[in-house]
Amino acid sequence: MARDKKRKADVFYYDCFAGILEETEKGYRFVYSSNYLKTGKPVSLSLPLQKGPLESDTLFPFFAGMNSEGWYRDIVCATKKIDPTDEFGILLVTGDNTIGAVTVRESGVK
C-alpha cells in the first residue's frame, strides 16, 4: 500500500528514548540514538546496538510481535480504521500501551 508520507515512531526502553523506527521506500529502518548507544541495552537481541541503521524489508519481527492478535486486533483495527495488514499502523496506535519494557510512540505525538 503506497503512502504519501513515511511514518516514524520513537522507541523507548523503560521510558528512555532508544531510537527511531521508520518506514522507508524499501521497508523499515531502526536507528539507535547516539545517547542511548552510550549506556543502553539492545531493545531486543534481534536488534543489536550499533551506530548505523538496521534495515528490513518487512517490519522487524520484534516490533510486529508487539502487536495485538485475534479479537482485540479486530477491535483496534475497526475502531481506529486501520487496515488489518498494516502492522506499522497498528503498532503506532497500540505500542504505547504494552506490558513490556519497550514502548513505541508515533514521532511528534506525546
PDB file of N, CA and C in Angstrom:
ATOM      1  N   MET A   1       0.842  -1.174   0.000  1.00  0.00           N
ATOM      2  CA  MET A   1       0.000   0.000   0.000  1.00  0.00           C
ATOM      3  C   MET A   1       0.892   1.245   0.000  1.00  0.00           C
ATOM      4  N   ALA A   2       0.776   2.075  -0.995  1.00  0.00           N
ATOM      5  CA  ALA A   2       1.580   3.293  -1.096  1.00  0.00           C
ATOM      6  C   ALA A   2       1.026   4.363  -0.160  1.00  0.00           C
ATOM      7  N   ARG A   3       1.923   5.113   0.434  1.00  0.00           N
ATOM      8  CA  ARG A   3       1.531   6.185   1.331  1.00  0.00           C
ATOM      9  C   ARG A   3       2.209   7.468   0.875  1.00  0.00           C
ATOM     10  N   ASP A   4       1.527   8.602   1.102  1.00  0.00           N
ATOM     11  CA  ASP A   4       2.099   9.890   0.732  1.00  0.00           C
ATOM     12  C   ASP A   4       3.269  10.255   1.636  1.00  0.00           C
ATOM     13  N   LYS A   5       3.167   9.889   2.906  1.00  0.00           N
ATOM     14  CA  LYS A   5       4.138  10.316   3.891  1.00  0.00           C
ATOM     15  C   LYS A   5       4.663   9.098   4.640  1.00  0.00           C
ATOM     16  N   LYS A   6       5.956   8.999   4.785  1.00  0.00           N
ATOM     17  CA  LYS A   6       6.549   7.913   5.550  1.00  0.00           C
ATOM     18  C   LYS A   6       6.321   8.189   7.034  1.00  0.00           C
ATOM     19  N   ARG A   7       5.959   7.147   7.745  1.00  0.00           N
ATOM     20  CA  ARG A   7       5.669   7.295   9.171  1.00  0.00           C
ATOM     21  C   ARG A   7       6.907   6.967  10.002  1.00  0.00           C
ATOM     22  N   LYS A   8       6.994   7.619  11.158  1.00  0.00           N
ATOM     23  CA  LYS A   8       8.109   7.412  12.080  1.00  0.00           C
ATOM     24  C   LYS A   8       7.569   7.186  13.482  1.00  0.00           C
ATOM     25  N   ALA A   9       8.349   6.439  14.250  1.00  0.00           N
ATOM     26  CA  ALA A   9       7.984   6.186  15.640  1.00  0.00           C
ATOM     27  C   ALA A   9       9.209   6.326  16.528  1.00  0.00           C
ATOM     28  N   ASP A  10       8.993   6.863  17.719  1.00  0.00           N
ATOM     29  CA  ASP A  10      10.033   6.926  18.737  1.00  0.00           C
ATOM     30  C   ASP A  10       9.929   5.659  19.571  1.00  0.00           C
ATOM     31  N   VAL A  11      11.062   5.027  19.816  1.00  0.00           N
ATOM     32  CA  VAL A  11      11.103   3.781  20.576  1.00  0.00           C
ATOM     33  C   VAL A  11      11.759   4.067  21.925  1.00  0.00           C
ATOM     34  N   PHE A  12      11.112   3.593  22.992  1.00  0.00           N
ATOM     35  CA  PHE A  12      11.600   3.821  24.353  1.00  0.00           C
ATOM     36  C   PHE A  12      11.843   2.488  25.055  1.00  0.00           C
ATOM     37  N   TYR A  13      12.894   2.461  25.860  1.00  0.00           N
ATOM     38  CA  TYR A  13      13.196   1.299  26.691  1.00  0.00           C
ATOM     39  C   TYR A  13      13.118   1.784  28.129  1.00  0.00           C
ATOM     40  N   TYR A  14      12.123   1.327  28.863  1.00  0.00           N
ATOM     41  CA  TYR A  14      11.857   1.837  30.220  1.00  0.00           C
ATOM     42  C   TYR A  14      11.836   3.365  30.228  1.00  0.00           C
ATOM     43  N   ASP A  15      11.073   3.951  29.353  1.00  0.00           N
ATOM     44  CA  ASP A  15      10.882   5.399  29.243  1.00  0.00           C
ATOM     45  C   ASP A  15      12.132   6.180  28.834  1.00  0.00           C
ATOM     46  N   CYS A  16      13.198   5.491  28.482  1.00  0.00           N
ATOM     47  CA  CYS A  16      14.406   6.145  27.982  1.00  0.00           C
ATOM     48  C   CYS A  16      14.380   6.070  26.455  1.00  0.00           C
ATOM     49  N   PHE A  17      14.507   7.215  25.798  1.00  0.00           N
ATOM     50  CA  PHE A  17      14.474   7.241  24.339  1.00  0.00           C
ATOM     51  C   PHE A  17      15.608   6.389  23.789  1.00  0.00           C
ATOM     52  N   ALA A  18      15.259   5.361  23.012  1.00  0.00           N
ATOM     53  CA  ALA A  18      16.251   4.419  22.487  1.00  0.00           C
ATOM     54  C   ALA A  18      16.572   4.658  21.015  1.00  0.00           C
ATOM     55  N   GLY A  19      15.584   5.079  20.231  1.00  0.00           N
ATOM     56  CA  GLY A  19      15.843   5.273  18.812  1.00  0.00           C
ATOM     57  C   GLY A  19      14.594   5.549  18.014  1.00  0.00           C
ATOM     58  N   ILE A  20      14.760   5.538  16.691  1.00  0.00           N
ATOM     59  CA  ILE A  20      13.653   5.846  15.781  1.00  0.00           C
ATOM     60  C   ILE A  20      13.431   4.679  14.825  1.00  0.00           C
ATOM     61  N   LEU A  21      12.176   4.302  14.707  1.00  0.00           N
ATOM     62  CA  LEU A  21      11.742   3.287  13.751  1.00  0.00           C
ATOM     63  C   LEU A  21      10.972   4.021  12.668  1.00  0.00           C
ATOM     64  N   GLU A  22      11.329   3.776  11.406  1.00  0.00           N
ATOM     65  CA  GLU A  22      10.644   4.496  10.333  1.00  0.00           C
ATOM     66  C   GLU A  22      10.438   3.625   9.105  1.00  0.00           C
ATOM     67  N   GLU A  23       9.409   4.003   8.347  1.00  0.00           N
ATOM     68  CA  GLU A  23       9.177   3.389   7.046  1.00  0.00           C
ATOM     69  C   GLU A  23      10.156   3.997   6.054  1.00  0.00           C
ATOM     70  N   THR A  24      10.585   3.187   5.102  1.00  0.00           N
ATOM     71  CA  THR A  24      11.443   3.673   4.025  1.00  0.00           C
ATOM     72  C   THR A  24      10.837   3.211   2.705  1.00  0.00           C
ATOM     73  N   GLU A  25      11.452   3.612   1.623  1.00  0.00           N
ATOM     74  CA  GLU A  25      10.980   3.163   0.305  1.00  0.00           C
ATOM     75  C   GLU A  25      11.058   1.644   0.176  1.00  0.00           C
ATOM     76  N   LYS A  26      12.037   1.044   0.849  1.00  0.00           N
ATOM     77  CA  LYS A  26      12.270  -0.396   0.712  1.00  0.00           C
ATOM     78  C   LYS A  26      11.770  -1.222   1.886  1.00  0.00           C
ATOM     79  N   GLY A  27      11.257  -0.585   2.929  1.00  0.00           N
ATOM     80  CA  GLY A  27      10.793  -1.348   4.093  1.00  0.00           C
ATOM     81  C   GLY A  27      10.847  -0.516   5.358  1.00  0.00           C
ATOM     82  N   TYR A  28      11.732  -0.926   6.281  1.00  0.00           N
ATOM     83  CA  TYR A  28      11.802  -0.274   7.588  1.00  0.00           C
ATOM     84  C   TYR A  28      13.248  -0.094   8.017  1.00  0.00           C
ATOM     85  N   ARG A  29      13.447   0.928   8.855  1.00  0.00           N
ATOM     86  CA  ARG A  29      14.775   1.227   9.384  1.00  0.00           C
ATOM     87  C   ARG A  29      14.628   1.531  10.876  1.00  0.00           C
ATOM     88  N   PHE A  30      15.554   0.990  11.656  1.00  0.00           N
ATOM     89  CA  PHE A  30      15.628   1.337  13.073  1.00  0.00           C
ATOM     90  C   PHE A  30      17.028   1.851  13.352  1.00  0.00           C
ATOM     91  N   VAL A  31      17.112   3.007  14.014  1.00  0.00           N
ATOM     92  CA  VAL A  31      18.398   3.616  14.350  1.00  0.00           C
ATOM     93  C   VAL A  31      18.389   3.967  15.833  1.00  0.00           C
ATOM     94  N   TYR A  32      19.379   3.454  16.557  1.00  0.00           N
ATOM     95  CA  TYR A  32      19.530   3.819  17.968  1.00  0.00           C
ATOM     96  C   TYR A  32      20.002   5.261  18.079  1.00  0.00           C
ATOM     97  N   SER A  33      19.543   5.962  19.105  1.00  0.00           N
ATOM     98  CA  SER A  33      20.017   7.327  19.341  1.00  0.00           C
ATOM     99  C   SER A  33      21.458   7.261  19.858  1.00  0.00           C
ATOM    100  N   SER A  34      22.234   8.285  19.557  1.00  0.00           N
ATOM    101  CA  SER A  34      23.642   8.297  19.972  1.00  0.00           C
ATOM    102  C   SER A  34      23.770   8.283  21.495  1.00  0.00           C
ATOM    103  N   ASN A  35      22.880   8.976  22.196  1.00  0.00           N
ATOM    104  CA  ASN A  35      22.922   8.963  23.662  1.00  0.00           C
ATOM    105  C   ASN A  35      22.604   7.579  24.212  1.00  0.00           C
ATOM    106  N   TYR A  36      21.631   6.918  23.622  1.00  0.00           N
ATOM    107  CA  TYR A  36      21.255   5.584  24.096  1.00  0.00           C
ATOM    108  C   TYR A  36      22.390   4.592  23.863  1.00  0.00           C
ATOM    109  N   LEU A  37      23.104   4.718  22.785  1.00  0.00           N
ATOM    110  CA  LEU A  37      24.220   3.810  22.488  1.00  0.00           C
ATOM    111  C   LEU A  37      25.292   3.843  23.578  1.00  0.00           C
ATOM    112  N   LYS A  38      25.440   4.972  24.256  1.00  0.00           N
ATOM    113  CA  LYS A  38      26.474   5.118  25.285  1.00  0.00           C
ATOM    114  C   LYS A  38      26.180   4.288  26.531  1.00  0.00           C
ATOM    115  N   THR A  39      24.912   4.131  26.866  1.00  0.00           N
ATOM    116  CA  THR A  39      24.584   3.500  28.151  1.00  0.00           C
ATOM    117  C   THR A  39      23.494   2.441  28.081  1.00  0.00           C
ATOM    118  N   GLY A  40      22.851   2.297  26.941  1.00  0.00           N
ATOM    119  CA  GLY A  40      21.683   1.427  26.856  1.00  0.00           C
ATOM    120  C   GLY A  40      21.991  -0.030  26.571  1.00  0.00           C
ATOM    121  N   LYS A  41      20.927  -0.818  26.629  1.00  0.00           N
ATOM    122  CA  LYS A  41      20.950  -2.227  26.251  1.00  0.00           C
ATOM    123  C   LYS A  41      20.150  -2.359  24.962  1.00  0.00           C
ATOM    124  N   PRO A  42      20.405  -3.397  24.171  1.00  0.00           N
ATOM    125  CA  PRO A  42      19.578  -3.586  22.974  1.00  0.00           C
ATOM    126  C   PRO A  42      18.103  -3.716  23.369  1.00  0.00           C
ATOM    127  N   VAL A  43      17.212  -3.135  22.589  1.00  0.00           N
ATOM    128  CA  VAL A  43      15.787  -3.285  22.886  1.00  0.00           C
ATOM    129  C   VAL A  43      15.339  -4.717  22.618  1.00  0.00           C
ATOM    130  N   SER A  44      16.119  -5.439  21.827  1.00  0.00           N
ATOM    131  CA  SER A  44      15.856  -6.845  21.515  1.00  0.00           C
ATOM    132  C   SER A  44      17.173  -7.489  21.094  1.00  0.00           C
ATOM    133  N   LEU A  45      17.305  -8.780  21.346  1.00  0.00           N
ATOM    134  CA  LEU A  45      18.505  -9.483  20.882  1.00  0.00           C
ATOM    135  C   LEU A  45      18.613  -9.446  19.363  1.00  0.00           C
ATOM    136  N   SER A  46      17.476  -9.315  18.694  1.00  0.00           N
ATOM    137  CA  SER A  46      17.475  -9.267  17.226  1.00  0.00           C
ATOM    138  C   SER A  46      17.775  -7.869  16.682  1.00  0.00           C
ATOM    139  N   LEU A  47      17.939  -6.892  17.586  1.00  0.00           N
ATOM    140  CA  LEU A  47      18.261  -5.513  17.197  1.00  0.00           C
ATOM    141  C   LEU A  47      19.502  -5.070  17.973  1.00  0.00           C
ATOM    142  N   PRO A  48      20.682  -5.581  17.594  1.00  0.00           N
ATOM    143  CA  PRO A  48      21.896  -5.296  18.361  1.00  0.00           C
ATOM    144  C   PRO A  48      22.259  -3.809  18.341  1.00  0.00           C
ATOM    145  N   LEU A  49      22.909  -3.382  19.425  1.00  0.00           N
ATOM    146  CA  LEU A  49      23.379  -1.998  19.473  1.00  0.00           C
ATOM    147  C   LEU A  49      24.408  -1.774  18.371  1.00  0.00           C
ATOM    148  N   GLN A  50      24.198  -0.736  17.581  1.00  0.00           N
ATOM    149  CA  GLN A  50      25.168  -0.345  16.554  1.00  0.00           C
ATOM    150  C   GLN A  50      24.901   1.089  16.148  1.00  0.00           C
ATOM    151  N   LYS A  51      25.942   1.743  15.637  1.00  0.00           N
ATOM    152  CA  LYS A  51      25.823   3.152  15.242  1.00  0.00           C
ATOM    153  C   LYS A  51      24.953   3.340  14.014  1.00  0.00           C
ATOM    154  N   GLY A  52      25.095   2.498  13.042  1.00  0.00           N
ATOM    155  CA  GLY A  52      24.359   2.659  11.796  1.00  0.00           C
ATOM    156  C   GLY A  52      22.957   2.089  11.871  1.00  0.00           C
ATOM    157  N   PRO A  53      22.193   2.303  10.810  1.00  0.00           N
ATOM    158  CA  PRO A  53      20.810   1.816  10.789  1.00  0.00           C
ATOM    159  C   PRO A  53      20.724   0.302  10.618  1.00  0.00           C
ATOM    160  N   LEU A  54      19.698  -0.260  11.206  1.00  0.00           N
ATOM    161  CA  LEU A  54      19.302  -1.643  10.964  1.00  0.00           C
ATOM    162  C   LEU A  54      18.147  -1.561   9.981  1.00  0.00           C
ATOM    163  N   GLU A  55      18.168  -2.362   8.926  1.00  0.00           N
ATOM    164  CA  GLU A  55      17.130  -2.268   7.903  1.00  0.00           C
ATOM    165  C   GLU A  55      16.496  -3.624   7.643  1.00  0.00           C
ATOM    166  N   SER A  56      15.223  -3.582   7.240  1.00  0.00           N
ATOM    167  CA  SER A  56      14.474  -4.807   6.969  1.00  0.00           C
ATOM    168  C   SER A  56      13.435  -4.535   5.887  1.00  0.00           C
ATOM    169  N   ASP A  57      13.182  -5.528   5.052  1.00  0.00           N
ATOM    170  CA  ASP A  57      12.144  -5.404   4.022  1.00  0.00           C
ATOM    171  C   ASP A  57      10.749  -5.382   4.637  1.00  0.00           C
ATOM    172  N   THR A  58      10.596  -6.033   5.778  1.00  0.00           N
ATOM    173  CA  THR A  58       9.317  -6.082   6.491  1.00  0.00           C
ATOM    174  C   THR A  58       9.514  -5.483   7.875  1.00  0.00           C
ATOM    175  N   LEU A  59       8.421  -5.209   8.561  1.00  0.00           N
ATOM    176  CA  LEU A  59       8.535  -4.692   9.920  1.00  0.00           C
ATOM    177  C   LEU A  59       9.324  -5.702  10.749  1.00  0.00           C
ATOM    178  N   PHE A  60      10.324  -5.230  11.460  1.00  0.00           N
ATOM    179  CA  PHE A  60      11.162  -6.117  12.260  1.00  0.00           C
ATOM    180  C   PHE A  60      10.277  -7.028  13.117  1.00  0.00           C
ATOM    181  N   PRO A  61      10.564  -8.325  13.151  1.00  0.00           N
ATOM    182  CA  PRO A  61       9.718  -9.264  13.901  1.00  0.00           C
ATOM    183  C   PRO A  61       9.504  -8.858  15.359  1.00  0.00           C
ATOM    184  N   PHE A  62      10.521  -8.274  15.997  1.00  0.00           N
ATOM    185  CA  PHE A  62      10.347  -7.842  17.384  1.00  0.00           C
ATOM    186  C   PHE A  62       9.198  -6.851  17.509  1.00  0.00           C
ATOM    187  N   PHE A  63       9.159  -5.861  16.617  1.00  0.00           N
ATOM    188  CA  PHE A  63       8.105  -4.846  16.678  1.00  0.00           C
ATOM    189  C   PHE A  63       6.761  -5.416  16.235  1.00  0.00           C
ATOM    190  N   ALA A  64       6.751  -6.239  15.205  1.00  0.00           N
ATOM    191  CA  ALA A  64       5.495  -6.867  14.766  1.00  0.00           C
ATOM    192  C   ALA A  64       4.923  -7.735  15.881  1.00  0.00           C
ATOM    193  N   GLY A  65       5.805  -8.367  16.652  1.00  0.00           N
ATOM    194  CA  GLY A  65       5.365  -9.219  17.755  1.00  0.00           C
ATOM    195  C   GLY A  65       4.732  -8.457  18.905  1.00  0.00           C
ATOM    196  N   MET A  66       4.914  -7.148  18.944  1.00  0.00           N
ATOM    197  CA  MET A  66       4.284  -6.331  19.985  1.00  0.00           C
ATOM    198  C   MET A  66       2.805  -6.089  19.696  1.00  0.00           C
ATOM    199  N   ASN A  67       2.385  -6.338  18.465  1.00  0.00           N
ATOM    200  CA  ASN A  67       1.003  -6.060  18.073  1.00  0.00           C
ATOM    201  C   ASN A  67       0.030  -7.079  18.651  1.00  0.00           C
ATOM    202  N   SER A  68      -1.175  -6.603  18.882  1.00  0.00           N
ATOM    203  CA  SER A  68      -2.236  -7.470  19.394  1.00  0.00           C
ATOM    204  C   SER A  68      -2.664  -8.466  18.324  1.00  0.00           C
ATOM    205  N   GLU A  69      -3.371  -9.489  18.771  1.00  0.00           N
ATOM    206  CA  GLU A  69      -3.845 -10.535  17.867  1.00  0.00           C
ATOM    207  C   GLU A  69      -5.322 -10.812  18.138  1.00  0.00           C
ATOM    208  N   GLY A  70      -5.908 -11.593  17.254  1.00  0.00           N
ATOM    209  CA  GLY A  70      -7.263 -12.099  17.472  1.00  0.00           C
ATOM    210  C   GLY A  70      -8.323 -11.025  17.534  1.00  0.00           C
ATOM    211  N   TRP A  71      -9.283 -11.250  18.436  1.00  0.00           N
ATOM    212  CA  TRP A  71     -10.443 -10.359  18.528  1.00  0.00           C
ATOM    213  C   TRP A  71     -10.042  -8.944  18.929  1.00  0.00           C
ATOM    214  N   TYR A  72      -9.018  -8.804  19.777  1.00  0.00           N
ATOM    215  CA  TYR A  72      -8.615  -7.463  20.184  1.00  0.00           C
ATOM    216  C   TYR A  72      -8.032  -6.687  18.995  1.00  0.00           C
ATOM    217  N   ARG A  73      -7.262  -7.367  18.178  1.00  0.00           N
ATOM    218  CA  ARG A  73      -6.720  -6.741  16.970  1.00  0.00           C
ATOM    219  C   ARG A  73      -7.862  -6.294  16.063  1.00  0.00           C
ATOM    220  N   ASP A  74      -8.877  -7.148  15.911  1.00  0.00           N
ATOM    221  CA  ASP A  74     -10.042  -6.803  15.093  1.00  0.00           C
ATOM    222  C   ASP A  74     -10.722  -5.538  15.613  1.00  0.00           C
ATOM    223  N   ILE A  75     -10.857  -5.441  16.932  1.00  0.00           N
ATOM    224  CA  ILE A  75     -11.497  -4.268  17.537  1.00  0.00           C
ATOM    225  C   ILE A  75     -10.651  -3.019  17.302  1.00  0.00           C
ATOM    226  N   VAL A  76      -9.346  -3.127  17.524  1.00  0.00           N
ATOM    227  CA  VAL A  76      -8.441  -1.986  17.310  1.00  0.00           C
ATOM    228  C   VAL A  76      -8.529  -1.502  15.868  1.00  0.00           C
ATOM    229  N   CYS A  77      -8.454  -2.429  14.933  1.00  0.00           N
ATOM    230  CA  CYS A  77      -8.488  -2.054  13.514  1.00  0.00           C
ATOM    231  C   CYS A  77      -9.822  -1.421  13.131  1.00  0.00           C
ATOM    232  N   ALA A  78     -10.908  -1.951  13.665  1.00  0.00           N
ATOM    233  CA  ALA A  78     -12.231  -1.413  13.340  1.00  0.00           C
ATOM    234  C   ALA A  78     -12.434  -0.026  13.947  1.00  0.00           C
ATOM    235  N   THR A  79     -12.073   0.146  15.216  1.00  0.00           N
ATOM    236  CA  THR A  79     -12.325   1.429  15.873  1.00  0.00           C
ATOM    237  C   THR A  79     -11.369   2.525  15.415  1.00  0.00           C
ATOM    238  N   LYS A  80     -10.150   2.153  15.088  1.00  0.00           N
ATOM    239  CA  LYS A  80      -9.161   3.142  14.648  1.00  0.00           C
ATOM    240  C   LYS A  80      -9.070   3.250  13.129  1.00  0.00           C
ATOM    241  N   LYS A  81      -9.888   2.455  12.437  1.00  0.00           N
ATOM    242  CA  LYS A  81      -9.931   2.456  10.965  1.00  0.00           C
ATOM    243  C   LYS A  81      -8.544   2.183  10.359  1.00  0.00           C
ATOM    244  N   ILE A  82      -7.940   1.091  10.816  1.00  0.00           N
ATOM    245  CA  ILE A  82      -6.623   0.672  10.345  1.00  0.00           C
ATOM    246  C   ILE A  82      -6.782  -0.604   9.534  1.00  0.00           C
ATOM    247  N   ASP A  83      -6.105  -0.673   8.413  1.00  0.00           N
ATOM    248  CA  ASP A  83      -6.067  -1.890   7.611  1.00  0.00           C
ATOM    249  C   ASP A  83      -5.439  -2.995   8.468  1.00  0.00           C
ATOM    250  N   PRO A  84      -6.087  -4.141   8.632  1.00  0.00           N
ATOM    251  CA  PRO A  84      -5.552  -5.217   9.476  1.00  0.00           C
ATOM    252  C   PRO A  84      -4.185  -5.735   9.033  1.00  0.00           C
ATOM    253  N   THR A  85      -3.790  -5.452   7.793  1.00  0.00           N
ATOM    254  CA  THR A  85      -2.468  -5.878   7.326  1.00  0.00           C
ATOM    255  C   THR A  85      -1.399  -4.802   7.551  1.00  0.00           C
ATOM    256  N   ASP A  86      -1.790  -3.655   8.092  1.00  0.00           N
ATOM    257  CA  ASP A  86      -0.868  -2.543   8.336  1.00  0.00           C
ATOM    258  C   ASP A  86      -0.231  -2.701   9.719  1.00  0.00           C
ATOM    259  N   GLU A  87       0.788  -3.546   9.800  1.00  0.00           N
ATOM    260  CA  GLU A  87       1.439  -3.829  11.082  1.00  0.00           C
ATOM    261  C   GLU A  87       2.006  -2.563  11.724  1.00  0.00           C
ATOM    262  N   PHE A  88       2.599  -1.699  10.931  1.00  0.00           N
ATOM    263  CA  PHE A  88       3.183  -0.479  11.483  1.00  0.00           C
ATOM    264  C   PHE A  88       2.091   0.455  12.000  1.00  0.00           C
ATOM    265  N   GLY A  89       1.001   0.562  11.269  1.00  0.00           N
ATOM    266  CA  GLY A  89      -0.115   1.393  11.716  1.00  0.00           C
ATOM    267  C   GLY A  89      -0.691   0.915  13.037  1.00  0.00           C
ATOM    268  N   ILE A  90      -0.816  -0.386  13.183  1.00  0.00           N
ATOM    269  CA  ILE A  90      -1.316  -0.951  14.440  1.00  0.00           C
ATOM    270  C   ILE A  90      -0.329  -0.657  15.567  1.00  0.00           C
ATOM    271  N   LEU A  91       0.960  -0.814  15.289  1.00  0.00           N
ATOM    272  CA  LEU A  91       1.988  -0.534  16.294  1.00  0.00           C
ATOM    273  C   LEU A  91       1.936   0.922  16.744  1.00  0.00           C
ATOM    274  N   LEU A  92       1.720   1.844  15.813  1.00  0.00           N
ATOM    275  CA  LEU A  92       1.654   3.263  16.170  1.00  0.00           C
ATOM    276  C   LEU A  92       0.489   3.562  17.105  1.00  0.00           C
ATOM    277  N   VAL A  93      -0.589   2.816  16.967  1.00  0.00           N
ATOM    278  CA  VAL A  93      -1.780   3.047  17.787  1.00  0.00           C
ATOM    279  C   VAL A  93      -1.689   2.344  19.143  1.00  0.00           C
ATOM    280  N   THR A  94      -1.092   1.164  19.182  1.00  0.00           N
ATOM    281  CA  THR A  94      -1.106   0.362  20.414  1.00  0.00           C
ATOM    282  C   THR A  94       0.244   0.255  21.111  1.00  0.00           C
ATOM    283  N   GLY A  95       1.324   0.688  20.477  1.00  0.00           N
ATOM    284  CA  GLY A  95       2.667   0.479  21.007  1.00  0.00           C
ATOM    285  C   GLY A  95       3.013   1.241  22.263  1.00  0.00           C
ATOM    286  N   ASP A  96       2.189   2.209  22.644  1.00  0.00           N
ATOM    287  CA  ASP A  96       2.438   2.977  23.868  1.00  0.00           C
ATOM    288  C   ASP A  96       1.742   2.348  25.069  1.00  0.00           C
ATOM    289  N   ASN A  97       1.065   1.235  24.849  1.00  0.00           N
ATOM    290  CA  ASN A  97       0.317   0.579  25.922  1.00  0.00           C
ATOM    291  C   ASN A  97       0.700  -0.902  25.946  1.00  0.00           C
ATOM    292  N   THR A  98       1.953  -1.154  26.313  1.00  0.00           N
ATOM    293  CA  THR A  98       2.463  -2.523  26.300  1.00  0.00           C
ATOM    294  C   THR A  98       2.754  -2.994  27.720  1.00  0.00           C
ATOM    295  N   ILE A  99       2.943  -4.300  27.865  1.00  0.00           N
ATOM    296  CA  ILE A  99       3.264  -4.844  29.183  1.00  0.00           C
ATOM    297  C   ILE A  99       4.770  -5.024  29.375  1.00  0.00           C
ATOM    298  N   GLY A 100       5.553  -4.769  28.353  1.00  0.00           N
ATOM    299  CA  GLY A 100       6.994  -4.965  28.435  1.00  0.00           C
ATOM    300  C   GLY A 100       7.756  -3.676  28.648  1.00  0.00           C
ATOM    301  N   ALA A 101       9.064  -3.779  28.539  1.00  0.00           N
ATOM    302  CA  ALA A 101       9.958  -2.645  28.757  1.00  0.00           C
ATOM    303  C   ALA A 101       9.958  -1.666  27.590  1.00  0.00           C
ATOM    304  N   VAL A 102       9.573  -2.141  26.408  1.00  0.00           N
ATOM    305  CA  VAL A 102       9.652  -1.318  25.199  1.00  0.00           C
ATOM    306  C   VAL A 102       8.288  -0.722  24.865  1.00  0.00           C
ATOM    307  N   THR A 103       8.286   0.569  24.596  1.00  0.00           N
ATOM    308  CA  THR A 103       7.077   1.231  24.109  1.00  0.00           C
ATOM    309  C   THR A 103       7.423   1.969  22.820  1.00  0.00           C
ATOM    310  N   VAL A 104       6.405   2.168  22.010  1.00  0.00           N
ATOM    311  CA  VAL A 104       6.564   2.814  20.708  1.00  0.00           C
ATOM    312  C   VAL A 104       5.507   3.904  20.597  1.00  0.00           C
ATOM    313  N   ARG A 105       5.948   5.115  20.260  1.00  0.00           N
ATOM    314  CA  ARG A 105       5.027   6.245  20.100  1.00  0.00           C
ATOM    315  C   ARG A 105       5.273   6.902  18.753  1.00  0.00           C
ATOM    316  N   GLU A 106       4.205   7.257  18.094  1.00  0.00           N
ATOM    317  CA  GLU A 106       4.357   7.965  16.824  1.00  0.00           C
ATOM    318  C   GLU A 106       5.192   9.214  17.055  1.00  0.00           C
ATOM    319  N   SER A 107       6.187   9.445  16.220  1.00  0.00           N
ATOM    320  CA  SER A 107       7.061  10.614  16.373  1.00  0.00           C
ATOM    321  C   SER A 107       6.234  11.888  16.318  1.00  0.00           C
ATOM    322  N   GLY A 108       6.529  12.793  17.236  1.00  0.00           N
ATOM    323  CA  GLY A 108       5.819  14.059  17.288  1.00  0.00           C
ATOM    324  C   GLY A 108       4.538  14.014  18.095  1.00  0.00           C
ATOM    325  N   VAL A 109       4.188  12.843  18.622  1.00  0.00           N
ATOM    326  CA  VAL A 109       2.974  12.695  19.431  1.00  0.00           C
ATOM    327  C   VAL A 109       3.391  12.404  20.860  1.00  0.00           C
ATOM    328  N   LYS A 110       2.842  13.157  21.795  1.00  0.00           N
ATOM    329  CA  LYS A 110       3.205  12.956  23.211  1.00  0.00           C
ATOM    330  C   LYS A 110       2.176  12.124  23.918  1.00  0.00           C
TER     331      LYS A 110
END
